[in-house]
Amino acid sequence: MPIVTTRNQGEPDLDFLDGLKNLGTLLTVKELARILAISEKTIYGYVARNMIPYLKIQSSVRFRPKHIAQWLTRNDVSTDHERTKKRAQGH
């Protein structure tokens, strides 16, 4: 079960995102994989395809929590779906 949750339909869990933004340390691949409930291999794939914001420190890959929270918000499909649905309904 992913740690990233939604409160109501299409509404991201702002407490989770705020908590992530306020983490003071860089995240490792292992830590981010655990937080997002996906494999480390998937994270490395995202990095290789530049699909996720990351830092390269020599051979190590790290992630700024604030950038990951923003990335999650930008890539929230349920939010995009809700916006599209509202536009189609004339709201």
PDB file of N, CA and C in Angstrom:
ATOM      1  N   MET A   1       0.848  -1.179   0.000  1.00  0.00           N
ATOM      2  CA  MET A   1       0.000   0.000   0.000  1.00  0.00           C
ATOM      3  C   MET A   1       0.890   1.238   0.000  1.00  0.00           C
ATOM      4  N   PRO A   2       0.702   2.139  -0.943  1.00  0.00           N
ATOM      5  CA  PRO A   2       1.536   3.331  -0.999  1.00  0.00           C
ATOM      6  C   PRO A   2       1.311   4.251   0.195  1.00  0.00           C
ATOM      7  N   ILE A   3       2.352   4.955   0.576  1.00  0.00           N
ATOM      8  CA  ILE A   3       2.240   5.931   1.647  1.00  0.00           C
ATOM      9  C   ILE A   3       1.569   7.194   1.136  1.00  0.00           C
ATOM     10  N   VAL A   4       1.709   7.480  -0.161  1.00  0.00           N
ATOM     11  CA  VAL A   4       1.072   8.652  -0.751  1.00  0.00           C
ATOM     12  C   VAL A   4      -0.421   8.366  -0.812  1.00  0.00           C
ATOM     13  N   THR A   5      -1.200   9.198  -0.145  1.00  0.00           N
ATOM     14  CA  THR A   5      -2.640   8.949  -0.051  1.00  0.00           C
ATOM     15  C   THR A   5      -3.431  10.168  -0.497  1.00  0.00           C
ATOM     16  N   THR A   6      -4.722   9.949  -0.665  1.00  0.00           N
ATOM     17  CA  THR A   6      -5.627  11.071  -0.924  1.00  0.00           C
ATOM     18  C   THR A   6      -6.669  11.073   0.175  1.00  0.00           C
ATOM     19  N   ARG A   7      -7.138  12.255   0.517  1.00  0.00           N
ATOM     20  CA  ARG A   7      -8.162  12.366   1.557  1.00  0.00           C
ATOM     21  C   ARG A   7      -9.528  12.112   0.966  1.00  0.00           C
ATOM     22  N   ASN A   8      -9.900  12.897  -0.016  1.00  0.00           N
ATOM     23  CA  ASN A   8     -11.171  12.744  -0.710  1.00  0.00           C
ATOM     24  C   ASN A   8     -10.841  12.444  -2.159  1.00  0.00           C
ATOM     25  N   GLN A   9     -11.843  12.174  -2.955  1.00  0.00           N
ATOM     26  CA  GLN A   9     -11.604  11.880  -4.363  1.00  0.00           C
ATOM     27  C   GLN A   9     -10.768  12.976  -4.997  1.00  0.00           C
ATOM     28  N   GLY A  10      -9.604  12.585  -5.499  1.00  0.00           N
ATOM     29  CA  GLY A  10      -8.771  13.504  -6.244  1.00  0.00           C
ATOM     30  C   GLY A  10      -8.090  14.589  -5.427  1.00  0.00           C
ATOM     31  N   GLU A  11      -8.257  14.586  -4.112  1.00  0.00           N
ATOM     32  CA  GLU A  11      -7.642  15.624  -3.278  1.00  0.00           C
ATOM     33  C   GLU A  11      -6.422  15.037  -2.586  1.00  0.00           C
ATOM     34  N   PRO A  12      -5.216  15.513  -2.920  1.00  0.00           N
ATOM     35  CA  PRO A  12      -4.022  14.939  -2.313  1.00  0.00           C
ATOM     36  C   PRO A  12      -3.985  15.184  -0.815  1.00  0.00           C
ATOM     37  N   ASP A  13      -3.337  14.274  -0.106  1.00  0.00           N
ATOM     38  CA  ASP A  13      -3.167  14.398   1.332  1.00  0.00           C
ATOM     39  C   ASP A  13      -2.137  15.494   1.589  1.00  0.00           C
ATOM     40  N   LEU A  14      -2.610  16.687   1.893  1.00  0.00           N
ATOM     41  CA  LEU A  14      -1.729  17.843   2.049  1.00  0.00           C
ATOM     42  C   LEU A  14      -0.809  17.694   3.252  1.00  0.00           C
ATOM     43  N   ASP A  15      -1.233  17.010   4.296  1.00  0.00           N
ATOM     44  CA  ASP A  15      -0.361  16.782   5.446  1.00  0.00           C
ATOM     45  C   ASP A  15       0.865  15.981   5.019  1.00  0.00           C
ATOM     46  N   PHE A  16       0.655  14.966   4.198  1.00  0.00           N
ATOM     47  CA  PHE A  16       1.775  14.160   3.706  1.00  0.00           C
ATOM     48  C   PHE A  16       2.712  15.015   2.861  1.00  0.00           C
ATOM     49  N   LEU A  17       2.144  15.777   1.912  1.00  0.00           N
ATOM     50  CA  LEU A  17       2.973  16.603   1.035  1.00  0.00           C
ATOM     51  C   LEU A  17       3.703  17.682   1.814  1.00  0.00           C
ATOM     52  N   ASP A  18       3.024  18.301   2.780  1.00  0.00           N
ATOM     53  CA  ASP A  18       3.686  19.311   3.609  1.00  0.00           C
ATOM     54  C   ASP A  18       4.804  18.679   4.430  1.00  0.00           C
ATOM     55  N   GLY A  19       4.548  17.508   4.975  1.00  0.00           N
ATOM     56  CA  GLY A  19       5.580  16.809   5.736  1.00  0.00           C
ATOM     57  C   GLY A  19       6.780  16.479   4.880  1.00  0.00           C
ATOM     58  N   LEU A  20       6.515  16.056   3.671  1.00  0.00           N
ATOM     59  CA  LEU A  20       7.597  15.729   2.746  1.00  0.00           C
ATOM     60  C   LEU A  20       8.399  16.983   2.404  1.00  0.00           C
ATOM     61  N   LYS A  21       7.696  18.079   2.124  1.00  0.00           N
ATOM     62  CA  LYS A  21       8.370  19.337   1.786  1.00  0.00           C
ATOM     63  C   LYS A  21       9.274  19.817   2.914  1.00  0.00           C
ATOM     64  N   ASN A  22       8.871  19.546   4.148  1.00  0.00           N
ATOM     65  CA  ASN A  22       9.595  20.077   5.299  1.00  0.00           C
ATOM     66  C   ASN A  22      10.711  19.167   5.810  1.00  0.00           C
ATOM     67  N   LEU A  23      10.909  18.028   5.180  1.00  0.00           N
ATOM     68  CA  LEU A  23      12.045  17.189   5.566  1.00  0.00           C
ATOM     69  C   LEU A  23      13.326  17.955   5.285  1.00  0.00           C
ATOM     70  N   GLY A  24      14.231  17.933   6.220  1.00  0.00           N
ATOM     71  CA  GLY A  24      15.438  18.735   6.074  1.00  0.00           C
ATOM     72  C   GLY A  24      16.600  18.032   5.399  1.00  0.00           C
ATOM     73  N   THR A  25      16.468  16.760   5.094  1.00  0.00           N
ATOM     74  CA  THR A  25      17.596  16.024   4.524  1.00  0.00           C
ATOM     75  C   THR A  25      17.263  15.505   3.136  1.00  0.00           C
ATOM     76  N   LEU A  26      18.295  15.269   2.370  1.00  0.00           N
ATOM     77  CA  LEU A  26      18.105  14.650   1.058  1.00  0.00           C
ATOM     78  C   LEU A  26      17.710  13.194   1.242  1.00  0.00           C
ATOM     79  N   LEU A  27      16.920  12.682   0.309  1.00  0.00           N
ATOM     80  CA  LEU A  27      16.478  11.286   0.360  1.00  0.00           C
ATOM     81  C   LEU A  27      17.340  10.428  -0.552  1.00  0.00           C
ATOM     82  N   THR A  28      17.591   9.208  -0.135  1.00  0.00           N
ATOM     83  CA  THR A  28      18.268   8.235  -0.986  1.00  0.00           C
ATOM     84  C   THR A  28      17.231   7.534  -1.859  1.00  0.00           C
ATOM     85  N   VAL A  29      17.705   6.776  -2.817  1.00  0.00           N
ATOM     86  CA  VAL A  29      16.800   5.989  -3.660  1.00  0.00           C
ATOM     87  C   VAL A  29      15.999   5.029  -2.794  1.00  0.00           C
ATOM     88  N   LYS A  30      16.670   4.382  -1.871  1.00  0.00           N
ATOM     89  CA  LYS A  30      16.000   3.414  -0.999  1.00  0.00           C
ATOM     90  C   LYS A  30      14.901   4.081  -0.169  1.00  0.00           C
ATOM     91  N   GLU A  31      15.198   5.243   0.396  1.00  0.00           N
ATOM     92  CA  GLU A  31      14.211   5.957   1.205  1.00  0.00           C
ATOM     93  C   GLU A  31      13.014   6.402   0.361  1.00  0.00           C
ATOM     94  N   LEU A  32      13.289   6.957  -0.813  1.00  0.00           N
ATOM     95  CA  LEU A  32      12.202   7.415  -1.671  1.00  0.00           C
ATOM     96  C   LEU A  32      11.347   6.245  -2.154  1.00  0.00           C
ATOM     97  N   ALA A  33      11.987   5.144  -2.487  1.00  0.00           N
ATOM     98  CA  ALA A  33      11.242   3.951  -2.913  1.00  0.00           C
ATOM     99  C   ALA A  33      10.300   3.487  -1.801  1.00  0.00           C
ATOM    100  N   ARG A  34      10.777   3.511  -0.565  1.00  0.00           N
ATOM    101  CA  ARG A  34       9.942   3.099   0.571  1.00  0.00           C
ATOM    102  C   ARG A  34       8.782   4.078   0.758  1.00  0.00           C
ATOM    103  N   ILE A  35       9.049   5.370   0.678  1.00  0.00           N
ATOM    104  CA  ILE A  35       8.006   6.392   0.854  1.00  0.00           C
ATOM    105  C   ILE A  35       6.924   6.254  -0.216  1.00  0.00           C
ATOM    106  N   LEU A  36       7.340   6.040  -1.468  1.00  0.00           N
ATOM    107  CA  LEU A  36       6.380   5.959  -2.575  1.00  0.00           C
ATOM    108  C   LEU A  36       5.824   4.555  -2.791  1.00  0.00           C
ATOM    109  N   ALA A  37       6.351   3.597  -2.049  1.00  0.00           N
ATOM    110  CA  ALA A  37       5.919   2.192  -2.163  1.00  0.00           C
ATOM    111  C   ALA A  37       6.109   1.660  -3.576  1.00  0.00           C
ATOM    112  N   ILE A  38       7.263   1.970  -4.158  1.00  0.00           N
ATOM    113  CA  ILE A  38       7.646   1.426  -5.453  1.00  0.00           C
ATOM    114  C   ILE A  38       9.078   0.905  -5.331  1.00  0.00           C
ATOM    115  N   SER A  39       9.521   0.150  -6.314  1.00  0.00           N
ATOM    116  CA  SER A  39      10.845  -0.457  -6.216  1.00  0.00           C
ATOM    117  C   SER A  39      11.960   0.550  -6.484  1.00  0.00           C
ATOM    118  N   GLU A  40      13.124   0.242  -5.949  1.00  0.00           N
ATOM    119  CA  GLU A  40      14.306   1.053  -6.222  1.00  0.00           C
ATOM    120  C   GLU A  40      14.608   1.042  -7.724  1.00  0.00           C
ATOM    121  N   LYS A  41      14.380  -0.083  -8.356  1.00  0.00           N
ATOM    122  CA  LYS A  41      14.607  -0.196  -9.802  1.00  0.00           C
ATOM    123  C   LYS A  41      13.739   0.808 -10.564  1.00  0.00           C
ATOM    124  N   THR A  42      12.500   0.978 -10.131  1.00  0.00           N
ATOM    125  CA  THR A  42      11.600   1.941 -10.765  1.00  0.00           C
ATOM    126  C   THR A  42      12.129   3.361 -10.586  1.00  0.00           C
ATOM    127  N   ILE A  43      12.605   3.678  -9.384  1.00  0.00           N
ATOM    128  CA  ILE A  43      13.174   5.007  -9.127  1.00  0.00           C
ATOM    129  C   ILE A  43      14.361   5.245 -10.058  1.00  0.00           C
ATOM    130  N   TYR A  44      15.261   4.270 -10.163  1.00  0.00           N
ATOM    131  CA  TYR A  44      16.420   4.417 -11.053  1.00  0.00           C
ATOM    132  C   TYR A  44      15.979   4.582 -12.510  1.00  0.00           C
ATOM    133  N   GLY A  45      14.909   3.905 -12.894  1.00  0.00           N
ATOM    134  CA  GLY A  45      14.370   4.064 -14.241  1.00  0.00           C
ATOM    135  C   GLY A  45      13.864   5.475 -14.479  1.00  0.00           C
ATOM    136  N   TYR A  46      13.172   6.040 -13.480  1.00  0.00           N
ATOM    137  CA  TYR A  46      12.702   7.423 -13.576  1.00  0.00           C
ATOM    138  C   TYR A  46      13.880   8.382 -13.723  1.00  0.00           C
ATOM    139  N   VAL A  47      14.940   8.122 -12.955  1.00  0.00           N
ATOM    140  CA  VAL A  47      16.142   8.969 -13.021  1.00  0.00           C
ATOM    141  C   VAL A  47      16.766   8.867 -14.410  1.00  0.00           C
ATOM    142  N   ALA A  48      16.909   7.657 -14.909  1.00  0.00           N
ATOM    143  CA  ALA A  48      17.546   7.447 -16.218  1.00  0.00           C
ATOM    144  C   ALA A  48      16.778   8.150 -17.337  1.00  0.00           C
ATOM    145  N   ARG A  49      15.457   8.241 -17.179  1.00  0.00           N
ATOM    146  CA  ARG A  49      14.618   8.881 -18.204  1.00  0.00           C
ATOM    147  C   ARG A  49      14.280  10.338 -17.852  1.00  0.00           C
ATOM    148  N   ASN A  50      14.940  10.868 -16.810  1.00  0.00           N
ATOM    149  CA  ASN A  50      14.699  12.248 -16.353  1.00  0.00           C
ATOM    150  C   ASN A  50      13.224  12.520 -16.076  1.00  0.00           C
ATOM    151  N   MET A  51      12.550  11.550 -15.487  1.00  0.00           N
ATOM    152  CA  MET A  51      11.130  11.697 -15.182  1.00  0.00           C
ATOM    153  C   MET A  51      10.884  12.246 -13.777  1.00  0.00           C
ATOM    154  N   ILE A  52      11.937  12.322 -12.968  1.00  0.00           N
ATOM    155  CA  ILE A  52      11.814  12.722 -11.577  1.00  0.00           C
ATOM    156  C   ILE A  52      12.961  13.679 -11.257  1.00  0.00           C
ATOM    157  N   PRO A  53      12.718  14.706 -10.445  1.00  0.00           N
ATOM    158  CA  PRO A  53      13.816  15.616 -10.101  1.00  0.00           C
ATOM    159  C   PRO A  53      14.804  14.933  -9.150  1.00  0.00           C
ATOM    160  N   TYR A  54      16.085  15.062  -9.458  1.00  0.00           N
ATOM    161  CA  TYR A  54      17.103  14.420  -8.626  1.00  0.00           C
ATOM    162  C   TYR A  54      18.395  15.212  -8.661  1.00  0.00           C
ATOM    163  N   LEU A  55      19.265  14.882  -7.718  1.00  0.00           N
ATOM    164  CA  LEU A  55      20.606  15.440  -7.648  1.00  0.00           C
ATOM    165  C   LEU A  55      21.599  14.310  -7.844  1.00  0.00           C
ATOM    166  N   LYS A  56      22.675  14.599  -8.500  1.00  0.00           N
ATOM    167  CA  LYS A  56      23.736  13.615  -8.671  1.00  0.00           C
ATOM    168  C   LYS A  56      24.932  14.126  -7.875  1.00  0.00           C
ATOM    169  N   ILE A  57      25.365  13.387  -6.890  1.00  0.00           N
ATOM    170  CA  ILE A  57      26.532  13.723  -6.088  1.00  0.00           C
ATOM    171  C   ILE A  57      27.552  12.629  -6.355  1.00  0.00           C
ATOM    172  N   GLN A  58      28.478  12.925  -7.241  1.00  0.00           N
ATOM    173  CA  GLN A  58      29.404  11.946  -7.792  1.00  0.00           C
ATOM    174  C   GLN A  58      28.589  10.800  -8.370  1.00  0.00           C
ATOM    175  N   SER A  59      28.685   9.606  -7.814  1.00  0.00           N
ATOM    176  CA  SER A  59      27.924   8.492  -8.384  1.00  0.00           C
ATOM    177  C   SER A  59      26.605   8.241  -7.640  1.00  0.00           C
ATOM    178  N   SER A  60      26.330   9.039  -6.616  1.00  0.00           N
ATOM    179  CA  SER A  60      25.122   8.852  -5.812  1.00  0.00           C
ATOM    180  C   SER A  60      23.969   9.712  -6.332  1.00  0.00           C
ATOM    181  N   VAL A  61      22.777   9.169  -6.236  1.00  0.00           N
ATOM    182  CA  VAL A  61      21.558   9.888  -6.613  1.00  0.00           C
ATOM    183  C   VAL A  61      20.824  10.250  -5.327  1.00  0.00           C
ATOM    184  N   ARG A  62      20.417  11.509  -5.217  1.00  0.00           N
ATOM    185  CA  ARG A  62      19.661  11.983  -4.055  1.00  0.00           C
ATOM    186  C   ARG A  62      18.479  12.813  -4.531  1.00  0.00           C
ATOM    187  N   PHE A  63      17.512  12.994  -3.634  1.00  0.00           N
ATOM    188  CA  PHE A  63      16.283  13.700  -3.964  1.00  0.00           C
ATOM    189  C   PHE A  63      15.977  14.733  -2.896  1.00  0.00           C
ATOM    190  N   ARG A  64      15.611  15.939  -3.345  1.00  0.00           N
ATOM    191  CA  ARG A  64      15.151  16.969  -2.411  1.00  0.00           C
ATOM    192  C   ARG A  64      13.672  16.716  -2.132  1.00  0.00           C
ATOM    193  N   PRO A  65      13.308  16.519  -0.875  1.00  0.00           N
ATOM    194  CA  PRO A  65      11.905  16.237  -0.547  1.00  0.00           C
ATOM    195  C   PRO A  65      10.934  17.262  -1.107  1.00  0.00           C
ATOM    196  N   LYS A  66      11.292  18.551  -1.047  1.00  0.00           N
ATOM    197  CA  LYS A  66      10.402  19.603  -1.562  1.00  0.00           C
ATOM    198  C   LYS A  66      10.145  19.403  -3.055  1.00  0.00           C
ATOM    199  N   HIS A  67      11.167  19.059  -3.808  1.00  0.00           N
ATOM    200  CA  HIS A  67      11.003  18.847  -5.245  1.00  0.00           C
ATOM    201  C   HIS A  67      10.168  17.600  -5.539  1.00  0.00           C
ATOM    202  N   ILE A  68      10.319  16.577  -4.712  1.00  0.00           N
ATOM    203  CA  ILE A  68       9.517  15.358  -4.889  1.00  0.00           C
ATOM    204  C   ILE A  68       8.046  15.662  -4.602  1.00  0.00           C
ATOM    205  N   ALA A  69       7.767  16.446  -3.564  1.00  0.00           N
ATOM    206  CA  ALA A  69       6.378  16.814  -3.245  1.00  0.00           C
ATOM    207  C   ALA A  69       5.763  17.593  -4.410  1.00  0.00           C
ATOM    208  N   GLN A  70       6.524  18.516  -4.976  1.00  0.00           N
ATOM    209  CA  GLN A  70       6.028  19.278  -6.130  1.00  0.00           C
ATOM    210  C   GLN A  70       5.809  18.362  -7.329  1.00  0.00           C
ATOM    211  N   TRP A  71       6.722  17.446  -7.543  1.00  0.00           N
ATOM    212  CA  TRP A  71       6.619  16.493  -8.651  1.00  0.00           C
ATOM    213  C   TRP A  71       5.370  15.621  -8.486  1.00  0.00           C
ATOM    214  N   LEU A  72       5.119  15.164  -7.267  1.00  0.00           N
ATOM    215  CA  LEU A  72       3.924  14.355  -7.011  1.00  0.00           C
ATOM    216  C   LEU A  72       2.656  15.152  -7.299  1.00  0.00           C
ATOM    217  N   THR A  73       2.643  16.407  -6.908  1.00  0.00           N
ATOM    218  CA  THR A  73       1.475  17.259  -7.148  1.00  0.00           C
ATOM    219  C   THR A  73       1.259  17.462  -8.649  1.00  0.00           C
ATOM    220  N   ARG A  74       2.345  17.741  -9.376  1.00  0.00           N
ATOM    221  CA  ARG A  74       2.241  17.945 -10.834  1.00  0.00           C
ATOM    222  C   ARG A  74       1.788  16.683 -11.554  1.00  0.00           C
ATOM    223  N   ASN A  75       2.126  15.524 -11.015  1.00  0.00           N
ATOM    224  CA  ASN A  75       1.826  14.265 -11.683  1.00  0.00           C
ATOM    225  C   ASN A  75       0.618  13.548 -11.096  1.00  0.00           C
ATOM    226  N   ASP A  76      -0.211  14.273 -10.365  1.00  0.00           N
ATOM    227  CA  ASP A  76      -1.406  13.687  -9.756  1.00  0.00           C
ATOM    228  C   ASP A  76      -2.484  13.525 -10.822  1.00  0.00           C
ATOM    229  N   VAL A  77      -2.619  12.324 -11.336  1.00  0.00           N
ATOM    230  CA  VAL A  77      -3.564  12.040 -12.414  1.00  0.00           C
ATOM    231  C   VAL A  77      -4.994  12.266 -11.954  1.00  0.00           C
ATOM    232  N   SER A  78      -5.311  11.923 -10.728  1.00  0.00           N
ATOM    233  CA  SER A  78      -6.686  12.096 -10.257  1.00  0.00           C
ATOM    234  C   SER A  78      -7.070  13.573 -10.247  1.00  0.00           C
ATOM    235  N   THR A  79      -6.130  14.449  -9.907  1.00  0.00           N
ATOM    236  CA  THR A  79      -6.401  15.882  -9.933  1.00  0.00           C
ATOM    237  C   THR A  79      -6.609  16.348 -11.364  1.00  0.00           C
ATOM    238  N   ASP A  80      -5.766  15.884 -12.284  1.00  0.00           N
ATOM    239  CA  ASP A  80      -5.927  16.228 -13.691  1.00  0.00           C
ATOM    240  C   ASP A  80      -7.278  15.748 -14.215  1.00  0.00           C
ATOM    241  N   HIS A  81      -7.660  14.541 -13.819  1.00  0.00           N
ATOM    242  CA  HIS A  81      -8.940  13.976 -14.252  1.00  0.00           C
ATOM    243  C   HIS A  81     -10.095  14.828 -13.737  1.00  0.00           C
ATOM    244  N   GLU A  82     -10.013  15.247 -12.476  1.00  0.00           N
ATOM    245  CA  GLU A  82     -11.081  16.076 -11.900  1.00  0.00           C
ATOM    246  C   GLU A  82     -11.178  17.413 -12.631  1.00  0.00           C
ATOM    247  N   ARG A  83     -10.028  18.040 -12.961  1.00  0.00           N
ATOM    248  CA  ARG A  83     -10.049  19.313 -13.697  1.00  0.00           C
ATOM    249  C   ARG A  83     -10.702  19.137 -15.059  1.00  0.00           C
ATOM    250  N   THR A  84     -10.328  18.074 -15.760  1.00  0.00           N
ATOM    251  CA  THR A  84     -10.887  17.804 -17.080  1.00  0.00           C
ATOM    252  C   THR A  84     -12.391  17.586 -16.987  1.00  0.00           C
ATOM    253  N   LYS A  85     -12.799  16.831 -15.970  1.00  0.00           N
ATOM    254  CA  LYS A  85     -14.217  16.539 -15.773  1.00  0.00           C
ATOM    255  C   LYS A  85     -14.996  17.828 -15.506  1.00  0.00           C
ATOM    256  N   LYS A  86     -14.430  18.719 -14.675  1.00  0.00           N
ATOM    257  CA  LYS A  86     -15.104  19.979 -14.355  1.00  0.00           C
ATOM    258  C   LYS A  86     -15.212  20.864 -15.594  1.00  0.00           C
ATOM    259  N   ARG A  87     -14.144  20.897 -16.400  1.00  0.00           N
ATOM    260  CA  ARG A  87     -14.190  21.692 -17.634  1.00  0.00           C
ATOM    261  C   ARG A  87     -15.275  21.167 -18.573  1.00  0.00           C
ATOM    262  N   ALA A  88     -15.383  19.856 -18.666  1.00  0.00           N
ATOM    263  CA  ALA A  88     -16.382  19.245 -19.544  1.00  0.00           C
ATOM    264  C   ALA A  88     -17.799  19.551 -19.066  1.00  0.00           C
ATOM    265  N   GLN A  89     -17.945  19.732 -17.735  1.00  0.00           N
ATOM    266  CA  GLN A  89     -19.256  20.042 -17.174  1.00  0.00           C
ATOM    267  C   GLN A  89     -19.536  21.542 -17.180  1.00  0.00           C
ATOM    268  N   GLY A  90     -18.570  22.337 -17.643  1.00  0.00           N
ATOM    269  CA  GLY A  90     -18.762  23.781 -17.724  1.00  0.00           C
ATOM    270  C   GLY A  90     -18.517  24.523 -16.443  1.00  0.00           C
ATOM    271  N   HIS A  91     -17.737  23.966 -15.515  1.00  0.00           N
ATOM    272  CA  HIS A  91     -17.429  24.645 -14.240  1.00  0.00           C
ATOM    273  C   HIS A  91     -16.182  25.433 -14.344  1.00  0.00           C
TER     274      HIS A  91
END
